[in-house]
Each structure stands twice: as C-alpha cells, then as structure tokens.
Amino acid sequence: MSAEEDWVEVVPHDDRWVLLYRNEAAEIHSALGGYALGIEHFGSTAVPGLVAKPIVDILAGVREGSDPRPAIDGLERLGYEYLGEDGRRPGRYFWRKRGMDAFNVSVVPHCGELWESNIAFRDFLRTHPDWAERYGQAKLSAGAASATSMLGYQDGKREFVDTLRTAAVAWAGEHGVNER
C-alpha cells in the first residue's frame, strides 16, 4: 500500500477540525482501549489559523516495541486503511481514512522521540505565529507546485519542515516542554 494520493489541497484553517479530532479520538480510544497510552491532535489542523490539507492528523502513543496488530484490528473496524510502517521513520505505523471527512493516524512509541518531536512541532507553531506564517507559505508553495502528488507536496516542503522541527525540538528542550 502507498501513502500517495492523487490530489493536494491546502485550505484556510477550519475551526471544525478540532471537533472532528475530538469525535474521532473518542472512537479511536474506544477501539484501542488500553493499547493507546495517549492520543493527540497534531499536524497543521491542530494549529489555529494555519492553512492545511483538510486531513485531521491524530497521534496515538503506545508502549515501545508494541506489536501493531491491536491497532491494525481496532482501526480497521473504524474504516481505516493500514499503510504499514513508515520507511523513513521506523517505529511509526500509519493509517488513513477517507470519506466525508479525512483522517490520518500515526501510531508511535508514547513519549518516544517521534511522539515528543511531533508534540513540540505542534506546540511551537501554536506559540510562534511568525513560524506558523512562514510554514503556511511553504505549504501553499509546495501545494501549488505539486497539486497532483501528496509525496511531491511533502518533498516540496521538506527542507522547511526539517528546519522548523529542529527549532521546535530545541525550543521544547529549552522550555521544559514534553518533560514528564
């Protein structure tokens, strides 16, 4: 299975995204039970005012080294398509659900590097509007350049995302964000 999609649309922020997240997170929590140690809204739809693809990203944290089978089974019952382990980020398993509303779910080790860096990325953008504005511009440019390829869109903004992630993780470390 491939994460490739044949369209990319970057749209203005929609206040409904937080409600869609809350409703879907409750369904995911019910389907996964104690397997999920934490569920968070992350990605651009979790940052008020930021342009985004209209796909709500959900991060589910599980015990490190957990077999993904409980997530595969639970999310399949909710209509998710399992896309496998991310080849660029071992330990991240990926699902998507498309329909009237669209969702992506990433399952990663709870409080591990992937969990922490994604939460830092979201929180950094929420508290640094200048970075959020620059990221929005990078997203719009990447979307315009590759409107028919999700992977092309991701590649088009990768350099900025890498710089942003480095700044976010450093900020989180300096400010004690994500410390347990």
N, C-alpha and C. Protein backbone atom coordinates (compact mmCIF):
# COMPACT_ATOMS: atom_id res chain seq x y z
N MET A 1 0.84 -1.18 0.00
CA MET A 1 0.00 0.00 0.00
C MET A 1 0.88 1.24 0.00
N SER A 2 0.40 2.28 -0.59
CA SER A 2 1.17 3.51 -0.71
C SER A 2 0.43 4.67 -0.05
N ALA A 3 1.19 5.57 0.53
CA ALA A 3 0.60 6.77 1.12
C ALA A 3 0.33 7.83 0.06
N GLU A 4 0.70 7.55 -1.18
CA GLU A 4 0.49 8.51 -2.26
C GLU A 4 -1.00 8.74 -2.49
N GLU A 5 -1.35 9.97 -2.76
CA GLU A 5 -2.71 10.32 -3.13
C GLU A 5 -2.62 11.19 -4.36
N ASP A 6 -3.68 11.25 -5.13
CA ASP A 6 -3.62 11.95 -6.41
C ASP A 6 -4.13 13.38 -6.34
N TRP A 7 -4.12 13.96 -5.18
CA TRP A 7 -4.54 15.36 -5.05
C TRP A 7 -3.88 15.97 -3.82
N VAL A 8 -3.70 17.26 -3.87
CA VAL A 8 -3.24 18.02 -2.71
C VAL A 8 -4.01 19.32 -2.72
N GLU A 9 -4.68 19.59 -1.64
CA GLU A 9 -5.43 20.83 -1.50
C GLU A 9 -5.04 21.44 -0.16
N VAL A 10 -4.54 22.67 -0.19
CA VAL A 10 -4.22 23.40 1.03
C VAL A 10 -5.29 24.47 1.16
N VAL A 11 -5.98 24.46 2.31
CA VAL A 11 -7.14 25.34 2.51
C VAL A 11 -6.96 26.18 3.77
N PRO A 12 -7.74 27.26 3.91
CA PRO A 12 -7.69 28.04 5.15
C PRO A 12 -8.10 27.17 6.34
N HIS A 13 -7.64 27.55 7.50
CA HIS A 13 -7.97 26.81 8.73
C HIS A 13 -9.48 26.72 8.91
N ASP A 14 -9.94 25.58 9.36
CA ASP A 14 -11.36 25.32 9.61
C ASP A 14 -11.53 24.99 11.09
N ASP A 15 -12.29 25.79 11.80
CA ASP A 15 -12.49 25.57 13.23
C ASP A 15 -13.16 24.23 13.54
N ARG A 16 -13.77 23.59 12.55
CA ARG A 16 -14.39 22.28 12.75
C ARG A 16 -13.36 21.19 13.00
N TRP A 17 -12.12 21.41 12.59
CA TRP A 17 -11.11 20.37 12.70
C TRP A 17 -10.92 19.89 14.14
N VAL A 18 -10.97 20.79 15.10
CA VAL A 18 -10.79 20.39 16.49
C VAL A 18 -11.95 19.50 16.95
N LEU A 19 -13.15 19.80 16.52
CA LEU A 19 -14.31 18.96 16.86
C LEU A 19 -14.22 17.60 16.17
N LEU A 20 -13.82 17.60 14.89
CA LEU A 20 -13.63 16.33 14.19
C LEU A 20 -12.60 15.48 14.92
N TYR A 21 -11.51 16.11 15.35
CA TYR A 21 -10.48 15.39 16.11
C TYR A 21 -11.08 14.79 17.38
N ARG A 22 -11.77 15.60 18.15
CA ARG A 22 -12.31 15.12 19.43
C ARG A 22 -13.23 13.91 19.23
N ASN A 23 -14.11 14.00 18.26
CA ASN A 23 -15.04 12.90 18.00
C ASN A 23 -14.30 11.64 17.54
N GLU A 24 -13.35 11.82 16.63
CA GLU A 24 -12.61 10.66 16.11
C GLU A 24 -11.70 10.08 17.20
N ALA A 25 -11.08 10.93 18.00
CA ALA A 25 -10.21 10.45 19.08
C ALA A 25 -11.00 9.60 20.07
N ALA A 26 -12.23 9.98 20.36
CA ALA A 26 -13.07 9.18 21.25
C ALA A 26 -13.34 7.81 20.65
N GLU A 27 -13.58 7.77 19.34
CA GLU A 27 -13.80 6.49 18.65
C GLU A 27 -12.53 5.64 18.69
N ILE A 28 -11.40 6.27 18.44
CA ILE A 28 -10.12 5.55 18.45
C ILE A 28 -9.82 5.04 19.85
N HIS A 29 -10.04 5.86 20.84
CA HIS A 29 -9.80 5.43 22.23
C HIS A 29 -10.66 4.22 22.57
N SER A 30 -11.91 4.25 22.14
CA SER A 30 -12.82 3.13 22.38
C SER A 30 -12.34 1.88 21.65
N ALA A 31 -11.87 2.04 20.42
CA ALA A 31 -11.43 0.89 19.62
C ALA A 31 -10.11 0.31 20.11
N LEU A 32 -9.22 1.15 20.65
CA LEU A 32 -7.89 0.68 21.06
C LEU A 32 -7.78 0.39 22.54
N GLY A 33 -8.70 0.94 23.34
CA GLY A 33 -8.66 0.70 24.78
C GLY A 33 -7.32 1.05 25.38
N GLY A 34 -6.82 0.19 26.25
CA GLY A 34 -5.56 0.44 26.95
C GLY A 34 -4.32 0.32 26.09
N TYR A 35 -4.47 -0.12 24.86
CA TYR A 35 -3.31 -0.21 23.95
C TYR A 35 -2.73 1.19 23.70
N ALA A 36 -3.61 2.19 23.58
CA ALA A 36 -3.16 3.56 23.36
C ALA A 36 -2.96 4.24 24.71
N LEU A 37 -1.74 4.68 24.97
CA LEU A 37 -1.42 5.37 26.22
C LEU A 37 -1.72 6.86 26.14
N GLY A 38 -1.84 7.37 24.93
CA GLY A 38 -2.15 8.77 24.71
C GLY A 38 -2.61 8.98 23.29
N ILE A 39 -3.49 9.96 23.11
CA ILE A 39 -3.98 10.32 21.78
C ILE A 39 -3.94 11.83 21.69
N GLU A 40 -3.33 12.36 20.64
CA GLU A 40 -3.18 13.81 20.47
C GLU A 40 -3.54 14.22 19.05
N HIS A 41 -4.04 15.44 18.93
CA HIS A 41 -4.27 16.09 17.63
C HIS A 41 -2.94 16.76 17.29
N PHE A 42 -2.40 16.47 16.13
CA PHE A 42 -1.14 17.10 15.74
C PHE A 42 -1.22 17.48 14.27
N GLY A 43 -0.15 18.03 13.75
CA GLY A 43 -0.16 18.47 12.37
C GLY A 43 -0.82 19.83 12.23
N SER A 44 -0.93 20.28 11.01
CA SER A 44 -1.40 21.64 10.73
C SER A 44 -2.84 21.90 11.15
N THR A 45 -3.70 20.87 11.10
CA THR A 45 -5.09 21.10 11.50
C THR A 45 -5.21 21.34 13.00
N ALA A 46 -4.14 21.09 13.76
CA ALA A 46 -4.13 21.30 15.21
C ALA A 46 -3.61 22.68 15.58
N VAL A 47 -3.27 23.50 14.59
CA VAL A 47 -2.71 24.83 14.85
C VAL A 47 -3.71 25.88 14.37
N PRO A 48 -4.37 26.57 15.30
CA PRO A 48 -5.36 27.58 14.90
C PRO A 48 -4.77 28.60 13.92
N GLY A 49 -5.53 28.85 12.85
CA GLY A 49 -5.14 29.85 11.86
C GLY A 49 -4.21 29.38 10.77
N LEU A 50 -3.64 28.18 10.91
CA LEU A 50 -2.68 27.69 9.92
C LEU A 50 -3.41 27.02 8.75
N VAL A 51 -3.00 27.35 7.53
CA VAL A 51 -3.55 26.64 6.36
C VAL A 51 -3.14 25.18 6.46
N ALA A 52 -3.94 24.31 5.85
CA ALA A 52 -3.65 22.89 5.97
C ALA A 52 -4.36 22.11 4.88
N LYS A 53 -3.88 20.89 4.65
CA LYS A 53 -4.67 19.93 3.89
C LYS A 53 -5.85 19.59 4.80
N PRO A 54 -7.05 19.42 4.27
CA PRO A 54 -8.21 19.12 5.12
C PRO A 54 -8.23 17.65 5.57
N ILE A 55 -7.15 17.25 6.22
CA ILE A 55 -6.99 15.90 6.75
C ILE A 55 -6.55 16.05 8.20
N VAL A 56 -7.36 15.56 9.13
CA VAL A 56 -7.04 15.67 10.55
C VAL A 56 -6.04 14.58 10.93
N ASP A 57 -4.89 15.02 11.44
CA ASP A 57 -3.83 14.09 11.85
C ASP A 57 -3.97 13.77 13.33
N ILE A 58 -3.92 12.48 13.64
CA ILE A 58 -4.06 12.00 15.02
C ILE A 58 -2.85 11.15 15.35
N LEU A 59 -2.27 11.42 16.52
CA LEU A 59 -1.10 10.71 17.01
C LEU A 59 -1.54 9.81 18.17
N ALA A 60 -1.29 8.52 18.05
CA ALA A 60 -1.60 7.59 19.13
C ALA A 60 -0.28 7.04 19.66
N GLY A 61 -0.08 7.17 20.95
CA GLY A 61 1.13 6.68 21.58
C GLY A 61 0.90 5.34 22.25
N VAL A 62 1.82 4.41 22.01
CA VAL A 62 1.72 3.05 22.57
C VAL A 62 3.04 2.69 23.23
N ARG A 63 3.05 1.59 23.96
CA ARG A 63 4.29 1.13 24.58
C ARG A 63 5.33 0.85 23.50
N GLU A 64 6.56 1.23 23.76
CA GLU A 64 7.64 1.00 22.80
C GLU A 64 7.75 -0.49 22.51
N GLY A 65 7.92 -0.83 21.24
CA GLY A 65 8.07 -2.21 20.82
C GLY A 65 6.76 -2.97 20.71
N SER A 66 5.63 -2.28 20.89
CA SER A 66 4.33 -2.96 20.81
C SER A 66 4.07 -3.49 19.40
N ASP A 67 3.48 -4.64 19.35
CA ASP A 67 3.01 -5.21 18.08
C ASP A 67 1.88 -4.31 17.57
N PRO A 68 1.91 -3.90 16.30
CA PRO A 68 0.84 -3.03 15.78
C PRO A 68 -0.49 -3.73 15.55
N ARG A 69 -0.56 -5.06 15.73
CA ARG A 69 -1.79 -5.81 15.41
C ARG A 69 -3.02 -5.26 16.13
N PRO A 70 -2.98 -4.91 17.43
CA PRO A 70 -4.19 -4.36 18.05
C PRO A 70 -4.67 -3.07 17.37
N ALA A 71 -3.73 -2.25 16.93
CA ALA A 71 -4.11 -1.02 16.22
C ALA A 71 -4.65 -1.35 14.83
N ILE A 72 -4.02 -2.30 14.15
CA ILE A 72 -4.49 -2.68 12.81
C ILE A 72 -5.93 -3.15 12.91
N ASP A 73 -6.21 -4.04 13.86
CA ASP A 73 -7.55 -4.58 14.01
C ASP A 73 -8.55 -3.52 14.46
N GLY A 74 -8.17 -2.73 15.48
CA GLY A 74 -9.08 -1.73 16.01
C GLY A 74 -9.40 -0.62 15.02
N LEU A 75 -8.39 -0.13 14.34
CA LEU A 75 -8.61 0.96 13.39
C LEU A 75 -9.32 0.46 12.13
N GLU A 76 -9.07 -0.78 11.75
CA GLU A 76 -9.79 -1.34 10.60
C GLU A 76 -11.30 -1.36 10.87
N ARG A 77 -11.69 -1.66 12.11
CA ARG A 77 -13.12 -1.66 12.45
C ARG A 77 -13.73 -0.26 12.32
N LEU A 78 -12.89 0.77 12.40
CA LEU A 78 -13.36 2.16 12.25
C LEU A 78 -13.28 2.65 10.81
N GLY A 79 -12.87 1.77 9.89
CA GLY A 79 -12.81 2.13 8.48
C GLY A 79 -11.47 2.65 8.01
N TYR A 80 -10.42 2.46 8.81
CA TYR A 80 -9.08 2.92 8.42
C TYR A 80 -8.39 1.89 7.54
N GLU A 81 -7.58 2.40 6.62
CA GLU A 81 -6.73 1.58 5.76
C GLU A 81 -5.32 1.61 6.37
N TYR A 82 -4.76 0.44 6.62
CA TYR A 82 -3.42 0.33 7.18
C TYR A 82 -2.40 0.45 6.06
N LEU A 83 -1.44 1.39 6.21
CA LEU A 83 -0.43 1.60 5.19
C LEU A 83 0.94 1.08 5.59
N GLY A 84 1.08 0.57 6.81
CA GLY A 84 2.33 -0.04 7.22
C GLY A 84 3.24 0.89 8.00
N GLU A 85 4.47 0.41 8.16
CA GLU A 85 5.47 1.18 8.90
C GLU A 85 6.12 2.19 7.96
N ASP A 86 6.35 3.38 8.48
CA ASP A 86 6.97 4.45 7.71
C ASP A 86 8.44 4.10 7.47
N GLY A 87 8.82 3.97 6.22
CA GLY A 87 10.19 3.62 5.86
C GLY A 87 11.22 4.65 6.27
N ARG A 88 10.81 5.91 6.38
CA ARG A 88 11.75 6.98 6.78
C ARG A 88 11.84 7.12 8.29
N ARG A 89 10.80 6.68 9.01
CA ARG A 89 10.76 6.82 10.46
C ARG A 89 10.34 5.49 11.10
N PRO A 90 11.30 4.58 11.27
CA PRO A 90 10.97 3.29 11.89
C PRO A 90 10.30 3.50 13.24
N GLY A 91 9.31 2.65 13.52
CA GLY A 91 8.56 2.78 14.76
C GLY A 91 7.28 3.57 14.60
N ARG A 92 7.06 4.15 13.42
CA ARG A 92 5.82 4.88 13.14
C ARG A 92 5.00 4.04 12.17
N TYR A 93 3.78 3.72 12.59
CA TYR A 93 2.84 2.97 11.77
C TYR A 93 1.73 3.92 11.35
N PHE A 94 1.25 3.75 10.13
CA PHE A 94 0.40 4.77 9.52
C PHE A 94 -0.90 4.19 8.98
N TRP A 95 -2.02 4.90 9.24
CA TRP A 95 -3.35 4.56 8.73
C TRP A 95 -3.99 5.80 8.14
N ARG A 96 -4.96 5.59 7.25
CA ARG A 96 -5.74 6.71 6.75
C ARG A 96 -7.20 6.27 6.59
N LYS A 97 -8.07 7.27 6.70
CA LYS A 97 -9.50 7.06 6.46
C LYS A 97 -9.97 8.24 5.64
N ARG A 98 -10.61 7.94 4.53
CA ARG A 98 -11.14 8.98 3.65
C ARG A 98 -12.64 8.80 3.55
N GLY A 99 -13.31 9.90 3.34
CA GLY A 99 -14.76 9.90 3.24
C GLY A 99 -15.22 11.35 3.31
N MET A 100 -16.37 11.58 3.94
CA MET A 100 -16.86 12.94 4.10
C MET A 100 -15.80 13.80 4.80
N ASP A 101 -15.15 13.22 5.80
CA ASP A 101 -14.03 13.85 6.48
C ASP A 101 -12.83 12.91 6.36
N ALA A 102 -11.64 13.47 6.41
CA ALA A 102 -10.44 12.67 6.20
C ALA A 102 -9.56 12.70 7.45
N PHE A 103 -8.98 11.54 7.76
CA PHE A 103 -8.12 11.41 8.94
C PHE A 103 -6.89 10.58 8.59
N ASN A 104 -5.79 10.91 9.25
CA ASN A 104 -4.59 10.08 9.26
C ASN A 104 -4.30 9.75 10.71
N VAL A 105 -3.88 8.53 10.97
CA VAL A 105 -3.47 8.15 12.32
C VAL A 105 -2.04 7.62 12.23
N SER A 106 -1.19 8.15 13.10
CA SER A 106 0.17 7.66 13.27
C SER A 106 0.27 7.04 14.65
N VAL A 107 0.74 5.80 14.71
CA VAL A 107 0.97 5.13 15.98
C VAL A 107 2.47 5.07 16.20
N VAL A 108 2.91 5.63 17.33
CA VAL A 108 4.34 5.74 17.65
C VAL A 108 4.53 5.40 19.13
N PRO A 109 5.77 5.14 19.55
CA PRO A 109 6.01 4.91 20.97
C PRO A 109 5.65 6.16 21.80
N HIS A 110 4.82 5.96 22.81
CA HIS A 110 4.39 7.06 23.68
C HIS A 110 5.61 7.64 24.40
N CYS A 111 5.75 8.93 24.34
CA CYS A 111 6.85 9.68 24.96
C CYS A 111 8.21 9.37 24.34
N GLY A 112 8.22 8.69 23.21
CA GLY A 112 9.46 8.46 22.47
C GLY A 112 9.78 9.68 21.61
N GLU A 113 10.85 9.57 20.84
CA GLU A 113 11.32 10.70 20.02
C GLU A 113 10.26 11.17 19.02
N LEU A 114 9.59 10.23 18.36
CA LEU A 114 8.56 10.63 17.38
C LEU A 114 7.37 11.31 18.05
N TRP A 115 6.97 10.81 19.19
CA TRP A 115 5.88 11.43 19.96
C TRP A 115 6.29 12.85 20.36
N GLU A 116 7.43 12.95 21.02
CA GLU A 116 7.89 14.24 21.55
C GLU A 116 8.11 15.28 20.45
N SER A 117 8.74 14.88 19.35
CA SER A 117 9.03 15.86 18.30
C SER A 117 7.75 16.35 17.62
N ASN A 118 6.76 15.47 17.46
CA ASN A 118 5.50 15.90 16.85
C ASN A 118 4.72 16.84 17.76
N ILE A 119 4.73 16.57 19.05
CA ILE A 119 4.04 17.47 20.00
C ILE A 119 4.79 18.80 20.07
N ALA A 120 6.12 18.76 20.09
CA ALA A 120 6.90 20.00 20.11
C ALA A 120 6.63 20.83 18.86
N PHE A 121 6.57 20.18 17.71
CA PHE A 121 6.29 20.85 16.43
C PHE A 121 4.95 21.58 16.52
N ARG A 122 3.91 20.89 16.97
CA ARG A 122 2.57 21.49 17.09
C ARG A 122 2.59 22.66 18.08
N ASP A 123 3.15 22.43 19.26
CA ASP A 123 3.13 23.47 20.30
C ASP A 123 3.98 24.67 19.92
N PHE A 124 5.09 24.43 19.24
CA PHE A 124 5.94 25.53 18.77
C PHE A 124 5.17 26.41 17.79
N LEU A 125 4.47 25.79 16.85
CA LEU A 125 3.68 26.57 15.88
C LEU A 125 2.54 27.33 16.57
N ARG A 126 1.94 26.73 17.57
CA ARG A 126 0.85 27.40 18.30
C ARG A 126 1.35 28.64 19.04
N THR A 127 2.60 28.65 19.43
CA THR A 127 3.14 29.76 20.23
C THR A 127 4.08 30.68 19.45
N HIS A 128 4.32 30.39 18.19
CA HIS A 128 5.22 31.20 17.36
C HIS A 128 4.53 31.53 16.03
N PRO A 129 3.66 32.55 16.04
CA PRO A 129 2.90 32.86 14.83
C PRO A 129 3.76 33.23 13.62
N ASP A 130 4.95 33.77 13.85
CA ASP A 130 5.84 34.08 12.73
C ASP A 130 6.27 32.81 12.01
N TRP A 131 6.62 31.77 12.75
CA TRP A 131 6.97 30.49 12.16
C TRP A 131 5.75 29.86 11.48
N ALA A 132 4.58 29.97 12.12
CA ALA A 132 3.36 29.41 11.53
C ALA A 132 3.06 30.09 10.19
N GLU A 133 3.25 31.39 10.12
CA GLU A 133 3.01 32.11 8.86
C GLU A 133 3.99 31.64 7.79
N ARG A 134 5.26 31.52 8.15
CA ARG A 134 6.26 31.05 7.18
C ARG A 134 5.97 29.62 6.74
N TYR A 135 5.53 28.79 7.68
CA TYR A 135 5.19 27.42 7.33
C TYR A 135 3.98 27.39 6.40
N GLY A 136 3.01 28.23 6.67
CA GLY A 136 1.84 28.32 5.80
C GLY A 136 2.24 28.67 4.37
N GLN A 137 3.16 29.60 4.22
CA GLN A 137 3.63 29.98 2.89
C GLN A 137 4.35 28.82 2.21
N ALA A 138 5.16 28.09 2.98
CA ALA A 138 5.86 26.93 2.41
C ALA A 138 4.85 25.88 1.96
N LYS A 139 3.79 25.68 2.73
CA LYS A 139 2.76 24.70 2.38
C LYS A 139 2.02 25.13 1.10
N LEU A 140 1.67 26.40 1.02
CA LEU A 140 0.97 26.90 -0.17
C LEU A 140 1.84 26.76 -1.42
N SER A 141 3.12 27.09 -1.30
CA SER A 141 4.04 26.96 -2.44
C SER A 141 4.20 25.50 -2.85
N ALA A 142 4.37 24.62 -1.88
CA ALA A 142 4.53 23.19 -2.19
C ALA A 142 3.25 22.63 -2.81
N GLY A 143 2.10 23.06 -2.31
CA GLY A 143 0.82 22.60 -2.85
C GLY A 143 0.61 23.06 -4.28
N ALA A 144 0.96 24.31 -4.57
CA ALA A 144 0.81 24.83 -5.93
C ALA A 144 1.75 24.13 -6.90
N ALA A 145 2.94 23.77 -6.43
CA ALA A 145 3.92 23.13 -7.30
C ALA A 145 3.63 21.65 -7.55
N SER A 146 2.84 21.03 -6.68
CA SER A 146 2.62 19.58 -6.83
C SER A 146 1.19 19.20 -6.44
N ALA A 147 0.22 19.86 -7.06
CA ALA A 147 -1.19 19.67 -6.70
C ALA A 147 -1.71 18.27 -6.97
N THR A 148 -0.98 17.47 -7.72
CA THR A 148 -1.48 16.12 -8.02
C THR A 148 -0.64 15.03 -7.36
N SER A 149 0.22 15.39 -6.42
CA SER A 149 1.06 14.38 -5.78
C SER A 149 1.28 14.72 -4.31
N MET A 150 0.74 13.89 -3.41
CA MET A 150 0.95 14.10 -1.98
C MET A 150 2.42 13.96 -1.63
N LEU A 151 3.10 12.99 -2.21
CA LEU A 151 4.51 12.81 -1.91
C LEU A 151 5.33 13.96 -2.46
N GLY A 152 4.97 14.49 -3.63
CA GLY A 152 5.64 15.67 -4.17
C GLY A 152 5.44 16.88 -3.28
N TYR A 153 4.24 17.03 -2.75
CA TYR A 153 3.93 18.11 -1.80
C TYR A 153 4.81 17.99 -0.56
N GLN A 154 4.91 16.79 -0.02
CA GLN A 154 5.74 16.59 1.18
C GLN A 154 7.20 16.89 0.88
N ASP A 155 7.68 16.44 -0.27
CA ASP A 155 9.06 16.72 -0.65
C ASP A 155 9.29 18.22 -0.85
N GLY A 156 8.29 18.92 -1.38
CA GLY A 156 8.41 20.35 -1.64
C GLY A 156 8.54 21.20 -0.40
N LYS A 157 8.08 20.71 0.72
CA LYS A 157 8.18 21.49 1.95
C LYS A 157 9.17 20.89 2.96
N ARG A 158 9.80 19.77 2.57
CA ARG A 158 10.65 19.03 3.50
C ARG A 158 11.78 19.87 4.10
N GLU A 159 12.47 20.66 3.30
CA GLU A 159 13.60 21.44 3.83
C GLU A 159 13.12 22.39 4.92
N PHE A 160 12.00 23.09 4.66
CA PHE A 160 11.48 24.00 5.67
C PHE A 160 11.01 23.23 6.90
N VAL A 161 10.36 22.09 6.71
CA VAL A 161 9.87 21.28 7.83
C VAL A 161 11.03 20.81 8.69
N ASP A 162 12.12 20.39 8.06
CA ASP A 162 13.29 19.95 8.83
C ASP A 162 13.85 21.08 9.68
N THR A 163 13.93 22.29 9.11
CA THR A 163 14.41 23.45 9.86
C THR A 163 13.45 23.78 11.00
N LEU A 164 12.17 23.75 10.70
CA LEU A 164 11.15 24.03 11.70
C LEU A 164 11.18 23.00 12.82
N ARG A 165 11.30 21.72 12.49
CA ARG A 165 11.34 20.66 13.51
C ARG A 165 12.55 20.84 14.42
N THR A 166 13.69 21.19 13.85
CA THR A 166 14.90 21.42 14.66
C THR A 166 14.66 22.57 15.64
N ALA A 167 14.07 23.66 15.16
CA ALA A 167 13.78 24.81 16.03
C ALA A 167 12.77 24.43 17.10
N ALA A 168 11.76 23.66 16.74
CA ALA A 168 10.72 23.27 17.69
C ALA A 168 11.26 22.37 18.79
N VAL A 169 12.07 21.40 18.42
CA VAL A 169 12.64 20.48 19.41
C VAL A 169 13.59 21.23 20.34
N ALA A 170 14.39 22.14 19.79
CA ALA A 170 15.28 22.95 20.63
C ALA A 170 14.47 23.81 21.59
N TRP A 171 13.43 24.45 21.10
CA TRP A 171 12.54 25.27 21.93
C TRP A 171 11.92 24.43 23.05
N ALA A 172 11.44 23.24 22.70
CA ALA A 172 10.82 22.37 23.70
C ALA A 172 11.82 22.01 24.79
N GLY A 173 13.06 21.71 24.39
CA GLY A 173 14.08 21.38 25.37
C GLY A 173 14.43 22.55 26.28
N GLU A 174 14.51 23.74 25.70
CA GLU A 174 14.84 24.94 26.47
C GLU A 174 13.74 25.33 27.44
N HIS A 175 12.50 25.02 27.10
CA HIS A 175 11.36 25.45 27.90
C HIS A 175 10.72 24.32 28.70
N GLY A 176 11.36 23.17 28.72
CA GLY A 176 10.83 22.05 29.51
C GLY A 176 9.53 21.48 28.98
N VAL A 177 9.22 21.77 27.71
CA VAL A 177 8.01 21.23 27.10
C VAL A 177 8.22 19.74 26.89
N ASN A 178 7.19 18.95 27.10
CA ASN A 178 7.20 17.49 26.93
C ASN A 178 7.89 16.76 28.04
N GLU A 179 8.40 17.46 29.07
CA GLU A 179 9.04 16.74 30.17
C GLU A 179 7.98 16.05 31.00
N ARG A 180 8.26 14.83 31.39
CA ARG A 180 7.30 14.05 32.18
C ARG A 180 7.80 13.94 33.59
